Protein backbone atom coordinates (compact mmCIF):
# COMPACT_ATOMS: atom_id res chain seq x y z
CA MET A 1 -22.71 -0.38 9.61
CA SER A 2 -19.63 -2.10 10.60
CA ALA A 3 -17.12 0.11 12.75
CA PHE A 4 -14.37 -1.16 10.31
CA GLN A 5 -14.88 0.94 7.35
CA SER A 6 -12.69 3.16 5.12
CA HIS A 7 -11.37 6.35 6.74
CA ARG A 8 -8.81 7.32 4.24
CA PRO A 9 -9.06 9.52 1.24
CA ALA A 10 -8.53 8.31 -2.36
CA GLN A 11 -5.66 6.04 -2.67
CA SER A 12 -3.58 5.61 -5.87
CA ILE A 13 -2.33 2.64 -7.42
CA GLY A 14 -0.23 2.28 -10.62
CA VAL A 15 -2.05 0.00 -13.20
CA TYR A 16 -1.62 -1.02 -17.06
CA ARG A 17 -4.61 -0.93 -19.38
CA ALA A 18 -5.46 -4.57 -19.97
CA GLU A 19 -4.89 -4.37 -23.76
CA HIS A 20 -1.08 -3.47 -23.03
CA LEU A 21 -0.57 -7.16 -21.88
CA ARG A 22 -1.77 -9.50 -24.73
CA VAL A 23 -1.15 -13.09 -25.84
CA ILE A 24 1.41 -13.70 -28.26
CA SER A 25 1.05 -17.52 -28.21
CA GLY A 26 -1.60 -20.10 -27.12
CA ALA A 27 -5.23 -20.55 -27.05
CA ASN A 28 -6.20 -16.80 -26.65
CA LEU A 29 -3.96 -15.54 -29.35
CA GLY A 30 -4.12 -11.59 -29.64
CA ASP A 31 -6.52 -11.13 -26.71
CA PRO A 32 -5.72 -8.81 -23.69
CA VAL A 33 -5.36 -9.99 -20.09
CA SER A 34 -9.02 -10.67 -18.88
CA ILE A 35 -11.33 -11.93 -16.29
CA ALA A 36 -10.36 -15.41 -14.75
CA GLU A 37 -13.14 -17.39 -16.44
CA GLU A 38 -11.92 -16.16 -20.00
CA MET A 39 -8.07 -16.68 -19.51
CA MET A 40 -6.16 -19.88 -20.40
CA LEU A 41 -3.22 -21.45 -18.46
CA ASP A 42 0.04 -21.77 -20.25
CA ASP A 43 -0.93 -18.80 -22.81
CA ILE A 44 2.13 -16.52 -23.32
CA TYR A 45 1.80 -12.81 -22.70
CA ARG A 46 4.01 -9.91 -23.60
CA LEU A 47 3.83 -6.42 -22.33
CA SER A 48 3.54 -3.88 -25.11
CA PRO A 49 6.69 -1.63 -25.75
CA VAL A 50 4.28 1.60 -25.65
CA ALA A 51 2.90 0.31 -22.29
CA SER A 52 3.25 2.79 -19.18
CA GLN A 53 1.38 2.69 -15.80
CA ILE A 54 -1.09 5.07 -15.18
CA ARG A 55 -2.77 6.19 -11.88
CA LEU A 56 -6.05 4.43 -10.82
CA SER A 57 -7.49 6.40 -7.91
CA LEU A 58 -10.06 4.59 -5.76
CA ILE A 59 -12.09 5.01 -2.67
CA ALA A 60 -12.38 2.10 -0.22
CA ARG A 61 -16.02 2.20 1.00
CA ALA A 62 -17.88 0.49 4.05
CA GLU A 63 -18.95 -2.39 1.85
CA PRO A 64 -17.51 -3.62 -1.55
CA PRO A 65 -17.14 -2.69 -4.35
CA PHE A 66 -14.44 0.11 -4.46
CA ARG A 67 -15.18 3.25 -6.45
CA VAL A 68 -13.21 5.19 -9.03
CA ALA A 69 -12.03 8.68 -7.27
CA SER A 70 -12.49 11.94 -9.16
CA ASP A 71 -8.77 12.50 -9.48
CA THR A 72 -8.09 9.38 -11.56
CA GLU A 73 -6.25 9.02 -14.86
CA ALA A 74 -7.63 5.32 -15.38
CA GLY A 75 -11.42 4.63 -15.46
CA THR A 76 -14.39 6.61 -14.98
CA PRO A 77 -15.03 8.85 -11.84
CA GLY A 78 -17.72 7.19 -9.68
CA ALA A 79 -17.65 3.59 -11.42
CA ASN A 80 -17.48 0.62 -9.42
CA LEU A 81 -14.12 -1.30 -9.14
CA TYR A 82 -14.00 -5.10 -8.40
CA LEU A 83 -10.80 -7.33 -7.91
CA ASP A 84 -11.32 -10.26 -10.16
CA CYS A 85 -8.29 -12.54 -9.84
CA CYS A 86 -4.57 -12.63 -8.89
CA ILE A 87 -2.57 -14.13 -11.61
CA THR A 88 0.84 -15.78 -11.63
CA LEU A 89 3.12 -15.12 -14.70
CA MET A 90 6.45 -17.09 -15.13
CA THR A 91 9.52 -16.18 -17.35
CA GLY A 92 11.58 -18.56 -19.25
CA ALA A 93 13.95 -18.44 -16.63
CA GLY A 94 11.47 -19.58 -14.10
CA GLN A 95 11.12 -16.14 -12.15
CA THR A 96 7.36 -15.87 -11.09
CA THR A 97 5.38 -12.39 -10.93
CA GLU A 98 1.91 -11.77 -9.50
CA ALA A 99 -0.66 -9.35 -10.85
CA LEU A 100 -4.03 -8.48 -9.93
CA VAL A 101 -7.02 -7.94 -12.42
CA ILE A 102 -9.21 -5.21 -11.60
CA VAL A 103 -12.57 -4.52 -13.53
CA GLU A 104 -14.57 -1.53 -13.75
CA THR A 105 -18.42 -1.87 -14.38
CA ASP A 106 -20.94 0.26 -15.83
CA ALA A 107 -24.56 1.30 -14.57
CA ASP A 108 -25.97 -2.12 -15.95
CA GLY A 109 -23.15 -4.25 -14.09
CA GLY A 110 -21.19 -4.92 -17.36
CA ILE A 111 -17.64 -4.60 -17.65
CA SER A 112 -16.53 -1.28 -19.03
CA GLY A 113 -13.02 -1.66 -18.30
CA THR A 114 -10.11 -3.98 -17.14
CA PHE A 115 -6.78 -2.86 -15.73
CA LEU A 116 -3.66 -4.89 -14.37
CA LEU A 117 -1.88 -4.10 -11.13
CA PRO A 118 1.45 -5.85 -11.18
CA LEU A 119 2.91 -6.54 -7.85
CA ALA A 120 6.51 -6.81 -9.19
CA PRO A 121 7.84 -4.86 -12.60
CA LEU A 122 7.11 -6.35 -15.89
CA ASP A 123 9.42 -6.07 -18.73
CA THR A 124 8.64 -5.20 -22.35
CA GLN A 125 11.30 -7.51 -23.61
CA THR A 126 10.21 -10.76 -21.54
CA ASP A 127 7.25 -13.19 -22.39
CA TYR A 128 5.19 -14.43 -19.55
CA ALA A 129 3.69 -17.78 -19.09
CA LEU A 130 0.22 -17.60 -17.38
CA VAL A 131 0.80 -20.39 -14.82
CA GLY A 132 -1.87 -19.48 -12.09
CA ILE A 133 -5.27 -17.90 -12.10
CA ASN A 134 -6.63 -17.44 -8.46
CA PRO A 135 -9.98 -15.54 -7.88
CA ASP A 136 -9.71 -16.14 -4.15
CA THR A 137 -6.48 -14.41 -3.21
CA ALA A 138 -6.87 -11.14 -4.96
CA LEU A 139 -8.43 -9.30 -2.18
CA GLN A 140 -5.97 -10.54 0.34
CA LYS A 141 -3.01 -9.41 -2.02
CA PHE A 142 -4.44 -6.08 -2.44
CA ALA A 143 -4.74 -5.72 1.29
CA GLN A 144 -1.05 -6.73 1.95
CA VAL A 145 0.12 -3.70 -0.54
CA ALA A 146 -2.17 -1.23 1.58
CA CYS A 147 -0.87 -2.34 5.05
CA VAL A 148 1.44 -0.19 6.59
CA SER A 149 4.36 -1.82 7.99
CA PHE A 150 7.73 -1.43 9.92
CA THR A 151 10.75 -3.71 9.07
CA ARG A 152 12.85 -5.62 11.38
CA GLY A 153 14.94 -3.71 13.60
CA THR A 154 12.89 -0.78 13.58
CA ALA A 155 13.19 1.13 16.96
CA ILE A 156 9.59 1.95 18.49
CA THR A 157 9.35 4.18 21.37
CA LEU A 158 7.54 2.93 24.42
CA ALA A 159 5.48 4.94 26.83
CA SER A 160 8.53 4.69 29.14
CA GLY A 161 10.81 6.17 26.85
CA GLU A 162 12.51 2.99 25.98
CA GLN A 163 13.50 2.16 22.43
CA ARG A 164 12.49 -1.13 21.63
CA ARG A 165 12.91 -3.13 18.18
CA VAL A 166 9.58 -3.86 16.57
CA GLU A 167 10.19 -7.64 16.34
CA ASP A 168 10.75 -7.57 20.28
CA LEU A 169 7.37 -5.98 21.11
CA THR A 170 4.55 -8.13 22.46
CA VAL A 171 0.79 -7.59 22.80
CA GLY A 172 0.06 -5.42 26.01
CA ASP A 173 3.31 -3.42 25.60
CA ARG A 174 2.47 0.28 26.12
CA VAL A 175 3.54 2.25 23.10
CA LEU A 176 3.57 6.19 23.18
CA THR A 177 1.27 7.77 20.88
CA ARG A 178 1.09 11.34 19.60
CA ASP A 179 -2.70 11.82 20.64
CA ASP A 180 -3.50 9.46 23.19
CA GLY A 181 -0.67 9.03 25.48
CA PRO A 182 0.44 5.42 26.48
CA GLN A 183 -1.67 2.86 24.55
CA PRO A 184 -1.32 -1.05 24.78
CA ILE A 185 -0.73 -3.04 21.56
CA ARG A 186 -3.71 -5.17 20.89
CA TRP A 187 -2.17 -7.28 17.90
CA ILE A 188 1.09 -7.79 16.23
CA GLY A 189 1.52 -9.17 12.56
CA HIS A 190 4.37 -10.50 10.86
CA THR A 191 4.83 -11.48 7.37
CA THR A 192 7.96 -12.21 5.22
CA THR A 193 7.80 -11.53 1.50
CA ARG A 194 9.86 -10.70 -1.55
CA ALA A 195 11.27 -7.14 -1.51
CA VAL A 196 10.35 -6.46 -5.08
CA GLY A 197 7.55 -4.14 -6.79
CA ALA A 198 4.64 -3.00 -4.62
CA PHE A 199 6.48 -4.83 -1.53
CA ALA A 200 9.72 -3.42 -1.82
CA PRO A 201 10.29 -1.20 1.20
CA ILE A 202 11.25 2.50 1.22
CA ARG A 203 14.52 3.38 3.28
CA ILE A 204 14.69 7.10 4.46
CA ARG A 205 18.17 7.70 5.49
CA ALA A 206 19.43 9.02 8.91
CA GLY A 207 18.82 12.74 8.95
CA THR A 208 16.37 13.13 6.28
CA LEU A 209 13.33 13.88 8.49
CA HIS A 210 15.34 14.48 11.66
CA ASN A 211 15.67 10.53 12.46
CA VAL A 212 18.62 9.36 14.32
CA ASN A 213 18.96 6.13 12.19
CA ASP A 214 17.63 4.82 8.57
CA LEU A 215 13.91 4.12 8.85
CA VAL A 216 12.72 1.36 6.62
CA VAL A 217 8.81 1.02 5.91
CA SER A 218 6.53 -0.22 3.53
CA PRO A 219 5.67 1.95 0.59
CA ASP A 220 2.28 3.40 1.45
CA HIS A 221 3.11 3.76 5.31
CA ARG A 222 2.28 7.45 6.02
CA LEU A 223 4.49 9.76 7.98
CA PHE A 224 3.29 12.58 10.21
CA ILE A 225 5.09 15.88 9.75
CA TYR A 226 4.30 18.93 11.62
CA GLN A 227 5.28 21.98 9.70
CA ARG A 228 6.32 25.09 11.35
CA THR A 229 6.61 26.94 8.14
CA ASP A 230 4.54 25.60 5.10
CA ARG A 231 7.35 25.45 2.53
CA LEU A 232 5.52 22.62 0.69
CA GLY A 233 2.52 24.97 0.17
CA ALA A 234 -0.02 22.32 1.62
CA GLY A 235 -1.87 24.99 3.49
CA ARG A 236 -1.69 23.30 6.72
CA PRO A 237 0.64 22.57 9.44
CA GLU A 238 -0.19 18.80 10.10
CA LEU A 239 0.60 16.31 7.05
CA LEU A 240 0.47 12.66 6.67
CA VAL A 241 2.84 11.69 3.81
CA LYS A 242 3.38 8.28 2.13
CA ALA A 243 7.02 7.05 2.16
CA ARG A 244 6.87 6.22 -1.46
CA HIS A 245 6.21 9.90 -2.52
CA LEU A 246 9.41 11.02 -0.97
CA ILE A 247 11.67 8.85 -3.01
CA ASN A 248 14.55 10.94 -4.52
CA GLY A 249 17.18 8.37 -5.32
CA ASP A 250 19.45 9.85 -2.53
CA THR A 251 18.11 10.27 0.83
CA VAL A 252 14.97 8.28 0.21
CA VAL A 253 15.22 5.07 -1.86
CA ARG A 254 13.45 1.87 -2.75
CA GLN A 255 15.13 -1.06 -1.39
CA SER A 256 14.57 -3.86 -3.81
CA GLY A 257 15.91 -7.30 -3.84
CA GLY A 258 15.87 -10.44 -1.37
CA PHE A 259 13.22 -10.86 1.37
CA VAL A 260 11.87 -8.34 3.90
CA ASP A 261 10.18 -8.84 7.15
CA TYR A 262 7.31 -6.63 7.80
CA PHE A 263 5.45 -6.03 11.21
CA GLN A 264 2.11 -4.57 11.65
CA MET A 265 0.50 -3.42 14.98
CA LEU A 266 -2.92 -2.48 15.97
CA PHE A 267 -4.27 -0.51 18.69
CA ASP A 268 -7.81 0.24 20.08
CA HIS A 269 -7.63 3.09 17.42
CA HIS A 270 -5.48 4.17 14.55
CA GLN A 271 -2.50 5.93 16.22
CA ILE A 272 0.45 8.13 15.41
CA ILE A 273 3.68 6.52 17.12
CA TYR A 274 7.22 7.21 17.05
CA ALA A 275 9.70 4.94 14.89
CA GLU A 276 13.19 5.79 14.94
CA GLY A 277 12.07 9.20 16.13
CA ILE A 278 9.91 9.91 13.27
CA ALA A 279 5.99 10.16 13.79
CA ALA A 280 4.35 7.41 11.76
CA GLU A 281 1.03 5.72 11.67
CA SER A 282 0.04 2.47 12.94
CA MET A 283 -2.18 0.11 10.81
CA LEU A 284 -5.76 0.88 10.19
CA VAL A 285 -8.34 -1.56 9.78
CA ASP A 286 -10.64 -0.62 7.01
CA THR A 287 -12.46 -2.55 4.17
CA ARG A 288 -9.15 -2.77 2.05
CA THR A 289 -6.70 -3.95 4.76
CA ARG A 290 -8.89 -6.16 6.74
CA ALA A 291 -8.37 -8.99 4.49
CA ALA A 292 -4.76 -9.00 5.17
CA LEU A 293 -5.47 -10.00 8.82
CA PRO A 294 -5.27 -13.87 9.58
CA GLU A 295 -8.48 -15.68 9.62
CA GLU A 296 -8.42 -16.05 13.25
CA VAL A 297 -7.75 -12.53 14.09
CA ASN A 298 -10.62 -11.46 11.69
CA ALA A 299 -13.11 -13.80 13.30
CA ARG A 300 -12.39 -11.96 16.76
CA LEU A 301 -11.87 -8.55 15.44
CA GLU A 302 -15.13 -6.74 16.97
CA THR A 303 -14.00 -8.16 20.58
CA LEU A 304 -10.41 -7.58 20.22
CA ILE A 305 -10.72 -3.89 19.14
CA PRO A 306 -14.32 -2.87 19.33
CA GLY A 307 -14.89 0.37 17.54
CA HIS A 308 -11.67 0.53 16.09
CA ARG A 309 -11.63 3.74 14.08
CA ALA A 310 -9.12 6.19 12.46
CA SER A 311 -7.55 9.13 14.15
CA GLY A 312 -8.62 12.59 13.71
CA HIS A 313 -5.83 12.80 11.16
CA ARG A 314 -7.36 11.22 8.44
CA GLU A 315 -8.04 14.07 6.24
CA ILE A 316 -4.54 15.47 6.16
CA GLU A 317 -2.65 13.14 3.63
CA VAL A 318 -0.80 15.19 1.18
CA GLN A 319 -1.82 14.61 -2.55
CA GLU A 320 0.98 13.20 -4.49
CA SER A 321 1.05 16.33 -6.99
CA LEU A 322 2.56 18.31 -4.14
CA LEU A 323 5.26 15.83 -3.49
CA ARG A 324 6.36 15.44 -7.21
CA ARG A 325 9.60 17.37 -6.79
CA PRO A 326 13.10 15.68 -5.84
CA ASP A 327 13.47 18.13 -3.03
CA ALA A 328 10.12 17.38 -1.07
CA ALA A 329 11.99 15.31 1.53
CA ASP A 330 14.43 18.20 2.17
CA LEU A 331 11.61 20.88 2.22
CA LEU A 332 9.71 18.81 4.72
CA ARG A 333 12.87 18.55 7.10
CA LYS A 334 13.27 22.20 6.82
CA SER A 335 9.48 22.97 7.42
CA SER A 336 9.49 20.53 10.56
CA GLY A 337 12.60 22.14 11.87
CA GLY A 338 11.54 25.66 11.79
């Protein structure tokens, strides 16, 4: 078994049921979005006015496929999930949007459900032309959504105590980690993407979690919180909290529009490091995120970071249900401050 396997709990994504995006003009008139071989380019799709995203919870295993988790709203718990393709939709104004087609299979391998994961918001009042169908990029796009990334300008704490911007870090720089002291960076990645939908970063304003400056990270980036008092009701002092679960429209906001520079860093093991004074995770290579790495890095990964694994904090991610409250960030600040 590879050392690069999933060490995360169930992950939740917001999907539409396939029947909520149908062809309103074209060869497949009336058909819902489907697998790559059944769709036709130039068909025009429209999202149903009653459509709403529902939670699909999945577990990444050591080898594909993914599996539906027990706390899901969509799909059948225990069923297998496959990424079929990445489609590109274009509005009449020329704006493009990508989405991933995910299929669920039954015990005989037949398709029992189809879901659409939009990578940018879809509008029920807009017609979308299908201009691209790519079965080869779906896993990579899915991995990019899951990658934990810091944005340009983020101050990272080095082992010496120096605060250095993430874009100025280099391989070999020794970064202060919470559990293993000074650790050298083994790899740094950089991507630039449109700041929309699943790729729009989360801004945590200064002071929200005792941070001196604003911290801007990818939506699924997990922050480490040590509670002195359990105001949240999690039942334990150590927590990992996804940035997007703290959005309150005030001190924690989604920053959409334009482009964003994302930086990822790898250590020998998954670590908790310090960014703008907040304890936050480094990238973890697992069966979902590995596809986001450049081909040349993937080819030498076992040599670059042999035995890469999760930290001992893998079981402490806070379930989203505990964070569905507008004062979640404020409670965590008070809990961690005593």
